[in-house]
PDB file of N, CA and C in Angstrom:
ATOM      1  N   GLN A   1      -8.189  11.110  13.151  1.00  0.00           N
ATOM      2  CA  GLN A   1      -8.906   9.856  13.335  1.00  0.00           C
ATOM      3  C   GLN A   1      -7.934   8.790  13.821  1.00  0.00           C
ATOM      4  N   SER A   2      -8.465   7.841  14.595  1.00  0.00           N
ATOM      5  CA  SER A   2      -7.621   6.765  15.079  1.00  0.00           C
ATOM      6  C   SER A   2      -7.368   5.763  13.957  1.00  0.00           C
ATOM      7  N   GLU A   3      -6.362   4.918  14.166  1.00  0.00           N
ATOM      8  CA  GLU A   3      -6.014   3.911  13.161  1.00  0.00           C
ATOM      9  C   GLU A   3      -7.210   3.020  12.843  1.00  0.00           C
ATOM     10  N   ASN A   4      -7.905   2.574  13.870  1.00  0.00           N
ATOM     11  CA  ASN A   4      -9.042   1.681  13.636  1.00  0.00           C
ATOM     12  C   ASN A   4     -10.151   2.363  12.854  1.00  0.00           C
ATOM     13  N   GLU A   5     -10.374   3.653  13.111  1.00  0.00           N
ATOM     14  CA  GLU A   5     -11.397   4.384  12.374  1.00  0.00           C
ATOM     15  C   GLU A   5     -11.037   4.490  10.895  1.00  0.00           C
ATOM     16  N   LEU A   6      -9.753   4.753  10.592  1.00  0.00           N
ATOM     17  CA  LEU A   6      -9.318   4.819   9.196  1.00  0.00           C
ATOM     18  C   LEU A   6      -9.478   3.479   8.504  1.00  0.00           C
ATOM     19  N   LYS A   7      -9.097   2.420   9.189  1.00  0.00           N
ATOM     20  CA  LYS A   7      -9.215   1.088   8.588  1.00  0.00           C
ATOM     21  C   LYS A   7     -10.679   0.764   8.294  1.00  0.00           C
ATOM     22  N   LYS A   8     -11.567   1.136   9.200  1.00  0.00           N
ATOM     23  CA  LYS A   8     -13.001   0.886   8.981  1.00  0.00           C
ATOM     24  C   LYS A   8     -13.541   1.733   7.839  1.00  0.00           C
ATOM     25  N   LEU A   9     -13.081   2.980   7.744  1.00  0.00           N
ATOM     26  CA  LEU A   9     -13.553   3.897   6.714  1.00  0.00           C
ATOM     27  C   LEU A   9     -13.282   3.350   5.312  1.00  0.00           C
ATOM     28  N   TYR A  10     -12.089   2.815   5.107  1.00  0.00           N
ATOM     29  CA  TYR A  10     -11.707   2.330   3.777  1.00  0.00           C
ATOM     30  C   TYR A  10     -11.974   0.848   3.573  1.00  0.00           C
ATOM     31  N   GLY A  11     -12.135   0.110   4.638  1.00  0.00           N
ATOM     32  CA  GLY A  11     -12.439  -1.313   4.523  1.00  0.00           C
ATOM     33  C   GLY A  11     -11.196  -2.175   4.431  1.00  0.00           C
ATOM     34  N   ASP A  12     -11.417  -3.438   4.159  1.00  0.00           N
ATOM     35  CA  ASP A  12     -10.329  -4.411   4.101  1.00  0.00           C
ATOM     36  C   ASP A  12      -9.416  -4.153   2.915  1.00  0.00           C
ATOM     37  N   ARG A  13      -8.125  -4.347   3.146  1.00  0.00           N
ATOM     38  CA  ARG A  13      -7.130  -4.192   2.082  1.00  0.00           C
ATOM     39  C   ARG A  13      -6.718  -5.553   1.556  1.00  0.00           C
ATOM     40  N   THR A  14      -6.576  -5.637   0.252  1.00  0.00           N
ATOM     41  CA  THR A  14      -6.092  -6.865  -0.364  1.00  0.00           C
ATOM     42  C   THR A  14      -5.154  -6.504  -1.511  1.00  0.00           C
ATOM     43  N   LEU A  15      -4.244  -7.414  -1.797  1.00  0.00           N
ATOM     44  CA  LEU A  15      -3.323  -7.249  -2.910  1.00  0.00           C
ATOM     45  C   LEU A  15      -3.750  -8.193  -4.024  1.00  0.00           C
ATOM     46  N   LEU A  16      -4.033  -7.622  -5.189  1.00  0.00           N
ATOM     47  CA  LEU A  16      -4.364  -8.439  -6.355  1.00  0.00           C
ATOM     48  C   LEU A  16      -3.046  -8.820  -7.029  1.00  0.00           C
ATOM     49  N   LYS A  17      -2.568 -10.023  -6.726  1.00  0.00           N
ATOM     50  CA  LYS A  17      -1.239 -10.436  -7.167  1.00  0.00           C
ATOM     51  C   LYS A  17      -1.100 -10.449  -8.684  1.00  0.00           C
ATOM     52  N   GLU A  18      -2.202 -10.648  -9.375  1.00  0.00           N
ATOM     53  CA  GLU A  18      -2.131 -10.660 -10.844  1.00  0.00           C
ATOM     54  C   GLU A  18      -1.859  -9.265 -11.415  1.00  0.00           C
ATOM     55  N   LYS A  19      -2.119  -8.215 -10.627  1.00  0.00           N
ATOM     56  CA  LYS A  19      -1.845  -6.848 -11.070  1.00  0.00           C
ATOM     57  C   LYS A  19      -0.488  -6.338 -10.585  1.00  0.00           C
ATOM     58  N   CYS A  20       0.094  -7.021  -9.612  1.00  0.00           N
ATOM     59  CA  CYS A  20       1.341  -6.572  -8.998  1.00  0.00           C
ATOM     60  C   CYS A  20       2.518  -6.772  -9.946  1.00  0.00           C
ATOM     61  N   THR A  21       3.345  -5.719 -10.087  1.00  0.00           N
ATOM     62  CA  THR A  21       4.524  -5.788 -10.957  1.00  0.00           C
ATOM     63  C   THR A  21       5.818  -5.891 -10.143  1.00  0.00           C
ATOM     64  N   ASP A  22       5.715  -6.122  -8.852  1.00  0.00           N
ATOM     65  CA  ASP A  22       6.879  -6.248  -7.969  1.00  0.00           C
ATOM     66  C   ASP A  22       7.765  -5.010  -7.969  1.00  0.00           C
ATOM     67  N   CYS A  23       7.176  -3.832  -8.055  1.00  0.00           N
ATOM     68  CA  CYS A  23       7.965  -2.599  -8.007  1.00  0.00           C
ATOM     69  C   CYS A  23       8.474  -2.331  -6.594  1.00  0.00           C
ATOM     70  N   ASN A  24       7.808  -2.895  -5.593  1.00  0.00           N
ATOM     71  CA  ASN A  24       8.162  -2.767  -4.178  1.00  0.00           C
ATOM     72  C   ASN A  24       7.971  -1.373  -3.596  1.00  0.00           C
ATOM     73  N   PHE A  25       7.278  -0.483  -4.285  1.00  0.00           N
ATOM     74  CA  PHE A  25       7.012   0.849  -3.743  1.00  0.00           C
ATOM     75  C   PHE A  25       6.236   0.744  -2.432  1.00  0.00           C
ATOM     76  N   CYS A  26       5.254  -0.145  -2.388  1.00  0.00           N
ATOM     77  CA  CYS A  26       4.429  -0.274  -1.185  1.00  0.00           C
ATOM     78  C   CYS A  26       5.255  -0.774  -0.006  1.00  0.00           C
ATOM     79  N   VAL A  27       6.187  -1.683  -0.269  1.00  0.00           N
ATOM     80  CA  VAL A  27       7.053  -2.202   0.789  1.00  0.00           C
ATOM     81  C   VAL A  27       7.929  -1.080   1.329  1.00  0.00           C
ATOM     82  N   ALA A  28       8.521  -0.311   0.430  1.00  0.00           N
ATOM     83  CA  ALA A  28       9.428   0.760   0.832  1.00  0.00           C
ATOM     84  C   ALA A  28       8.713   1.857   1.599  1.00  0.00           C
ATOM     85  N   LEU A  29       7.471   2.146   1.249  1.00  0.00           N
ATOM     86  CA  LEU A  29       6.780   3.299   1.825  1.00  0.00           C
ATOM     87  C   LEU A  29       5.822   2.973   2.964  1.00  0.00           C
ATOM     88  N   CYS A  30       5.582   1.706   3.266  1.00  0.00           N
ATOM     89  CA  CYS A  30       4.655   1.361   4.355  1.00  0.00           C
ATOM     90  C   CYS A  30       5.266   1.778   5.694  1.00  0.00           C
ATOM     91  N   PRO A  31       4.652   2.740   6.396  1.00  0.00           N
ATOM     92  CA  PRO A  31       5.250   3.267   7.623  1.00  0.00           C
ATOM     93  C   PRO A  31       5.168   2.323   8.816  1.00  0.00           C
ATOM     94  N   SER A  32       4.290   1.343   8.770  1.00  0.00           N
ATOM     95  CA  SER A  32       4.096   0.477   9.933  1.00  0.00           C
ATOM     96  C   SER A  32       4.735  -0.899   9.770  1.00  0.00           C
ATOM     97  N   GLY A  33       5.276  -1.184   8.599  1.00  0.00           N
ATOM     98  CA  GLY A  33       5.848  -2.505   8.363  1.00  0.00           C
ATOM     99  C   GLY A  33       4.808  -3.570   8.104  1.00  0.00           C
ATOM    100  N   ALA A  34       3.590  -3.152   7.779  1.00  0.00           N
ATOM    101  CA  ALA A  34       2.524  -4.118   7.502  1.00  0.00           C
ATOM    102  C   ALA A  34       2.737  -4.836   6.164  1.00  0.00           C
ATOM    103  N   ILE A  35       3.474  -4.194   5.261  1.00  0.00           N
ATOM    104  CA  ILE A  35       3.755  -4.787   3.953  1.00  0.00           C
ATOM    105  C   ILE A  35       5.240  -5.110   3.915  1.00  0.00           C
ATOM    106  N   THR A  36       5.551  -6.373   3.717  1.00  0.00           N
ATOM    107  CA  THR A  36       6.933  -6.826   3.692  1.00  0.00           C
ATOM    108  C   THR A  36       7.168  -7.673   2.455  1.00  0.00           C
ATOM    109  N   ARG A  37       8.426  -7.938   2.213  1.00  0.00           N
ATOM    110  CA  ARG A  37       8.792  -8.714   1.025  1.00  0.00           C
ATOM    111  C   ARG A  37       9.577  -9.942   1.455  1.00  0.00           C
ATOM    112  N   GLY A  38       9.098 -11.102   1.058  1.00  0.00           N
ATOM    113  CA  GLY A  38       9.836 -12.354   1.173  1.00  0.00           C
ATOM    114  C   GLY A  38       9.993 -12.840  -0.248  1.00  0.00           C
ATOM    115  N   GLU A  39       9.569 -14.054  -0.510  1.00  0.00           N
ATOM    116  CA  GLU A  39       9.524 -14.513  -1.895  1.00  0.00           C
ATOM    117  C   GLU A  39       8.443 -13.774  -2.659  1.00  0.00           C
ATOM    118  N   GLU A  40       7.467 -13.281  -1.929  1.00  0.00           N
ATOM    119  CA  GLU A  40       6.394 -12.461  -2.502  1.00  0.00           C
ATOM    120  C   GLU A  40       6.046 -11.378  -1.504  1.00  0.00           C
ATOM    121  N   ILE A  41       5.193 -10.463  -1.895  1.00  0.00           N
ATOM    122  CA  ILE A  41       4.772  -9.391  -0.991  1.00  0.00           C
ATOM    123  C   ILE A  41       3.770  -9.957   0.008  1.00  0.00           C
ATOM    124  N   ASN A  42       3.992  -9.650   1.273  1.00  0.00           N
ATOM    125  CA  ASN A  42       3.136 -10.131   2.352  1.00  0.00           C
ATOM    126  C   ASN A  42       2.493  -8.935   3.047  1.00  0.00           C
ATOM    127  N   TYR A  43       1.270  -9.143   3.525  1.00  0.00           N
ATOM    128  CA  TYR A  43       0.522  -8.082   4.198  1.00  0.00           C
ATOM    129  C   TYR A  43       0.034  -8.593   5.543  1.00  0.00           C
ATOM    130  N   ASN A  44       0.288  -7.820   6.606  1.00  0.00           N
ATOM    131  CA  ASN A  44      -0.156  -8.154   7.955  1.00  0.00           C
ATOM    132  C   ASN A  44      -1.158  -7.090   8.395  1.00  0.00           C
ATOM    133  N   ASP A  45      -2.428  -7.447   8.386  1.00  0.00           N
ATOM    134  CA  ASP A  45      -3.485  -6.488   8.725  1.00  0.00           C
ATOM    135  C   ASP A  45      -3.366  -5.981  10.159  1.00  0.00           C
ATOM    136  N   ASP A  46      -2.812  -6.787  11.056  1.00  0.00           N
ATOM    137  CA  ASP A  46      -2.669  -6.365  12.446  1.00  0.00           C
ATOM    138  C   ASP A  46      -1.705  -5.185  12.585  1.00  0.00           C
ATOM    139  N   LEU A  47      -0.742  -5.064  11.666  1.00  0.00           N
ATOM    140  CA  LEU A  47       0.213  -3.969  11.720  1.00  0.00           C
ATOM    141  C   LEU A  47      -0.239  -2.739  10.930  1.00  0.00           C
ATOM    142  N   CYS A  48      -1.217  -2.905  10.067  1.00  0.00           N
ATOM    143  CA  CYS A  48      -1.694  -1.817   9.216  1.00  0.00           C
ATOM    144  C   CYS A  48      -2.286  -0.694  10.071  1.00  0.00           C
ATOM    145  N   ILE A  49      -1.873   0.553   9.753  1.00  0.00           N
ATOM    146  CA  ILE A  49      -2.403   1.706  10.492  1.00  0.00           C
ATOM    147  C   ILE A  49      -3.472   2.456   9.694  1.00  0.00           C
ATOM    148  N   GLY A  50      -3.817   1.948   8.520  1.00  0.00           N
ATOM    149  CA  GLY A  50      -4.906   2.541   7.750  1.00  0.00           C
ATOM    150  C   GLY A  50      -4.535   3.778   6.968  1.00  0.00           C
ATOM    151  N   CYS A  51      -3.250   3.994   6.691  1.00  0.00           N
ATOM    152  CA  CYS A  51      -2.840   5.233   6.024  1.00  0.00           C
ATOM    153  C   CYS A  51      -3.165   5.256   4.528  1.00  0.00           C
ATOM    154  N   CYS A  52      -3.373   4.103   3.936  1.00  0.00           N
ATOM    155  CA  CYS A  52      -3.684   3.960   2.508  1.00  0.00           C
ATOM    156  C   CYS A  52      -2.516   4.341   1.598  1.00  0.00           C
ATOM    157  N   GLY A  53      -1.330   4.404   2.162  1.00  0.00           N
ATOM    158  CA  GLY A  53      -0.153   4.686   1.353  1.00  0.00           C
ATOM    159  C   GLY A  53       0.048   3.670   0.248  1.00  0.00           C
ATOM    160  N   CYS A  54      -0.242   2.416   0.519  1.00  0.00           N
ATOM    161  CA  CYS A  54      -0.081   1.366  -0.495  1.00  0.00           C
ATOM    162  C   CYS A  54      -0.939   1.659  -1.718  1.00  0.00           C
ATOM    163  N   MET A  55      -2.134   2.140  -1.498  1.00  0.00           N
ATOM    164  CA  MET A  55      -3.013   2.455  -2.626  1.00  0.00           C
ATOM    165  C   MET A  55      -2.594   3.744  -3.316  1.00  0.00           C
ATOM    166  N   ASN A  56      -1.982   4.651  -2.560  1.00  0.00           N
ATOM    167  CA  ASN A  56      -1.514   5.901  -3.147  1.00  0.00           C
ATOM    168  C   ASN A  56      -0.281   5.705  -4.020  1.00  0.00           C
ATOM    169  N   VAL A  57       0.546   4.719  -3.720  1.00  0.00           N
ATOM    170  CA  VAL A  57       1.791   4.562  -4.463  1.00  0.00           C
ATOM    171  C   VAL A  57       1.748   3.487  -5.541  1.00  0.00           C
ATOM    172  N   CYS A  58       0.799   2.596  -5.504  1.00  0.00           N
ATOM    173  CA  CYS A  58       0.793   1.478  -6.448  1.00  0.00           C
ATOM    174  C   CYS A  58       0.445   1.955  -7.860  1.00  0.00           C
ATOM    175  N   PRO A  59       1.395   1.814  -8.798  1.00  0.00           N
ATOM    176  CA  PRO A  59       1.142   2.310 -10.152  1.00  0.00           C
ATOM    177  C   PRO A  59       0.149   1.471 -10.957  1.00  0.00           C
ATOM    178  N   THR A  60      -0.149   0.257 -10.480  1.00  0.00           N
ATOM    179  CA  THR A  60      -1.057  -0.626 -11.229  1.00  0.00           C
ATOM    180  C   THR A  60      -2.376  -0.873 -10.508  1.00  0.00           C
ATOM    181  N   ASN A  61      -2.610  -0.181  -9.408  1.00  0.00           N
ATOM    182  CA  ASN A  61      -3.823  -0.367  -8.598  1.00  0.00           C
ATOM    183  C   ASN A  61      -3.981  -1.807  -8.119  1.00  0.00           C
ATOM    184  N   ALA A  62      -2.852  -2.440  -7.794  1.00  0.00           N
ATOM    185  CA  ALA A  62      -2.898  -3.813  -7.291  1.00  0.00           C
ATOM    186  C   ALA A  62      -3.440  -3.870  -5.863  1.00  0.00           C
ATOM    187  N   TRP A  63      -3.240  -2.796  -5.105  1.00  0.00           N
ATOM    188  CA  TRP A  63      -3.801  -2.743  -3.749  1.00  0.00           C
ATOM    189  C   TRP A  63      -5.237  -2.248  -3.837  1.00  0.00           C
ATOM    190  N   GLN A  64      -6.121  -2.958  -3.202  1.00  0.00           N
ATOM    191  CA  GLN A  64      -7.549  -2.632  -3.211  1.00  0.00           C
ATOM    192  C   GLN A  64      -8.055  -2.517  -1.778  1.00  0.00           C
ATOM    193  N   CYS A  65      -9.066  -1.697  -1.594  1.00  0.00           N
ATOM    194  CA  CYS A  65      -9.787  -1.691  -0.326  1.00  0.00           C
ATOM    195  C   CYS A  65     -11.256  -1.905  -0.653  1.00  0.00           C
ATOM    196  N   SER A  66     -11.963  -2.449   0.304  1.00  0.00           N
ATOM    197  CA  SER A  66     -13.318  -2.914   0.024  1.00  0.00           C
ATOM    198  C   SER A  66     -14.358  -1.811  -0.116  1.00  0.00           C
ATOM    199  N   LYS A  67     -14.069  -0.597   0.359  1.00  0.00           N
ATOM    200  CA  LYS A  67     -15.098   0.438   0.351  1.00  0.00           C
ATOM    201  C   LYS A  67     -14.865   1.580  -0.632  1.00  0.00           C
ATOM    202  N   ILE A  68     -13.631   1.729  -1.143  1.00  0.00           N
ATOM    203  CA  ILE A  68     -13.320   2.825  -2.066  1.00  0.00           C
ATOM    204  C   ILE A  68     -12.491   2.269  -3.217  1.00  0.00           C
ATOM    205  N   ASP A  69     -12.810   2.667  -4.421  1.00  0.00           N
ATOM    206  CA  ASP A  69     -12.078   2.220  -5.596  1.00  0.00           C
ATOM    207  C   ASP A  69     -10.664   2.793  -5.566  1.00  0.00           C
ATOM    208  N   SER A  70      -9.649   1.925  -5.642  1.00  0.00           N
ATOM    209  CA  SER A  70      -8.265   2.387  -5.523  1.00  0.00           C
ATOM    210  C   SER A  70      -7.845   3.301  -6.661  1.00  0.00           C
ATOM    211  N   GLU A  71      -8.563   3.286  -7.760  1.00  0.00           N
ATOM    212  CA  GLU A  71      -8.228   4.183  -8.871  1.00  0.00           C
ATOM    213  C   GLU A  71      -8.480   5.644  -8.500  1.00  0.00           C
ATOM    214  N   ASN A  72      -9.200   5.882  -7.407  1.00  0.00           N
ATOM    215  CA  ASN A  72      -9.449   7.243  -6.948  1.00  0.00           C
ATOM    216  C   ASN A  72      -8.305   7.796  -6.105  1.00  0.00           C
ATOM    217  N   PHE A  73      -7.354   6.964  -5.740  1.00  0.00           N
ATOM    218  CA  PHE A  73      -6.238   7.415  -4.920  1.00  0.00           C
ATOM    219  C   PHE A  73      -5.203   8.109  -5.791  1.00  0.00           C
ATOM    220  N   TYR A  74      -4.545   9.079  -5.209  1.00  0.00           N
ATOM    221  CA  TYR A  74      -3.533   9.864  -5.896  1.00  0.00           C
ATOM    222  C   TYR A  74      -2.308   9.001  -6.221  1.00  0.00           C
ATOM    223  N   LYS A  75      -1.848   9.071  -7.438  1.00  0.00           N
ATOM    224  CA  LYS A  75      -0.629   8.379  -7.860  1.00  0.00           C
ATOM    225  C   LYS A  75       0.396   9.446  -8.214  1.00  0.00           C
ATOM    226  N   GLY A  76       1.175   9.868  -7.250  1.00  0.00           N
ATOM    227  CA  GLY A  76       2.114  10.966  -7.439  1.00  0.00           C
ATOM    228  C   GLY A  76       3.209  10.650  -8.447  1.00  0.00           C
ATOM    229  N   ILE A  77       3.608  11.658  -9.191  1.00  0.00           N
ATOM    230  CA  ILE A  77       4.636  11.458 -10.193  1.00  0.00           C
ATOM    231  C   ILE A  77       6.008  11.250  -9.559  1.00  0.00           C
ATOM    232  N   ARG A  78       6.136  11.564  -8.291  1.00  0.00           N
ATOM    233  CA  ARG A  78       7.416  11.408  -7.612  1.00  0.00           C
ATOM    234  C   ARG A  78       7.478  10.156  -6.744  1.00  0.00           C
ATOM    235  N   VAL A  79       6.560   9.242  -6.916  1.00  0.00           N
ATOM    236  CA  VAL A  79       6.496   8.044  -6.083  1.00  0.00           C
ATOM    237  C   VAL A  79       7.804   7.254  -6.141  1.00  0.00           C
ATOM    238  N   LYS A  80       8.343   7.044  -7.329  1.00  0.00           N
ATOM    239  CA  LYS A  80       9.567   6.253  -7.446  1.00  0.00           C
ATOM    240  C   LYS A  80      10.712   6.920  -6.677  1.00  0.00           C
ATOM    241  N   LYS A  81      10.827   8.242  -6.784  1.00  0.00           N
ATOM    242  CA  LYS A  81      11.891   8.950  -6.063  1.00  0.00           C
ATOM    243  C   LYS A  81      11.681   8.842  -4.551  1.00  0.00           C
ATOM    244  N   MET A  82      10.444   8.912  -4.102  1.00  0.00           N
ATOM    245  CA  MET A  82      10.169   8.784  -2.669  1.00  0.00           C
ATOM    246  C   MET A  82      10.540   7.387  -2.187  1.00  0.00           C
ATOM    247  N   ALA A  83      10.180   6.374  -2.956  1.00  0.00           N
ATOM    248  CA  ALA A  83      10.492   5.002  -2.579  1.00  0.00           C
ATOM    249  C   ALA A  83      12.005   4.783  -2.544  1.00  0.00           C
ATOM    250  N   GLU A  84      12.695   5.303  -3.532  1.00  0.00           N
ATOM    251  CA  GLU A  84      14.156   5.162  -3.567  1.00  0.00           C
ATOM    252  C   GLU A  84      14.811   5.868  -2.387  1.00  0.00           C
ATOM    253  N   ALA A  85      14.242   6.997  -1.962  1.00  0.00           N
ATOM    254  CA  ALA A  85      14.808   7.764  -0.854  1.00  0.00           C
ATOM    255  C   ALA A  85      14.773   7.012   0.471  1.00  0.00           C
ATOM    256  N   THR A  86      13.883   6.052   0.595  1.00  0.00           N
ATOM    257  CA  THR A  86      13.810   5.279   1.837  1.00  0.00           C
ATOM    258  C   THR A  86      15.003   4.356   1.982  1.00  0.00           C
ATOM    259  N   GLY A  87      15.667   4.027   0.859  1.00  0.00           N
ATOM    260  CA  GLY A  87      16.774   3.072   0.895  1.00  0.00           C
ATOM    261  C   GLY A  87      16.323   1.649   1.054  1.00  0.00           C
ATOM    262  N   ARG A  88      15.004   1.407   0.947  1.00  0.00           N
ATOM    263  CA  ARG A  88      14.475   0.052   1.156  1.00  0.00           C
ATOM    264  C   ARG A  88      14.046  -0.630  -0.139  1.00  0.00           C
ATOM    265  N   LEU A  89      14.337  -0.021  -1.280  1.00  0.00           N
ATOM    266  CA  LEU A  89      13.983  -0.650  -2.557  1.00  0.00           C
ATOM    267  C   LEU A  89      15.037  -1.649  -2.948  1.00  0.00           C
TER     268      LEU A  89
END
C-alpha cells in the first residue's frame, strides 16, 4: 500500500502529552523523521509515512490514531533494545 493509503487506513495521529513519559522510543524509531525532539516531542504529519511504528513502540499508548485503538498495536519486549540500537536515544 502507498503511504497515503496507510495514513488514511489508520487515520490522524496525535500524541497525548499527558501519557508521554519522554522515553523517546518513537523519536529513535521513526523512519521518516516525522517525530523529532526539541524541548518536547514534535510531530510533522507531512513527513509521516503511515508505518504506525510510533504506536507499536510506545509503552504508554501515548500515540493515538483516529480509526484504530492504539492498545491493539504490538508492544514488543525488545523495543528498548531496538531504540538503543539506533544510537538516537
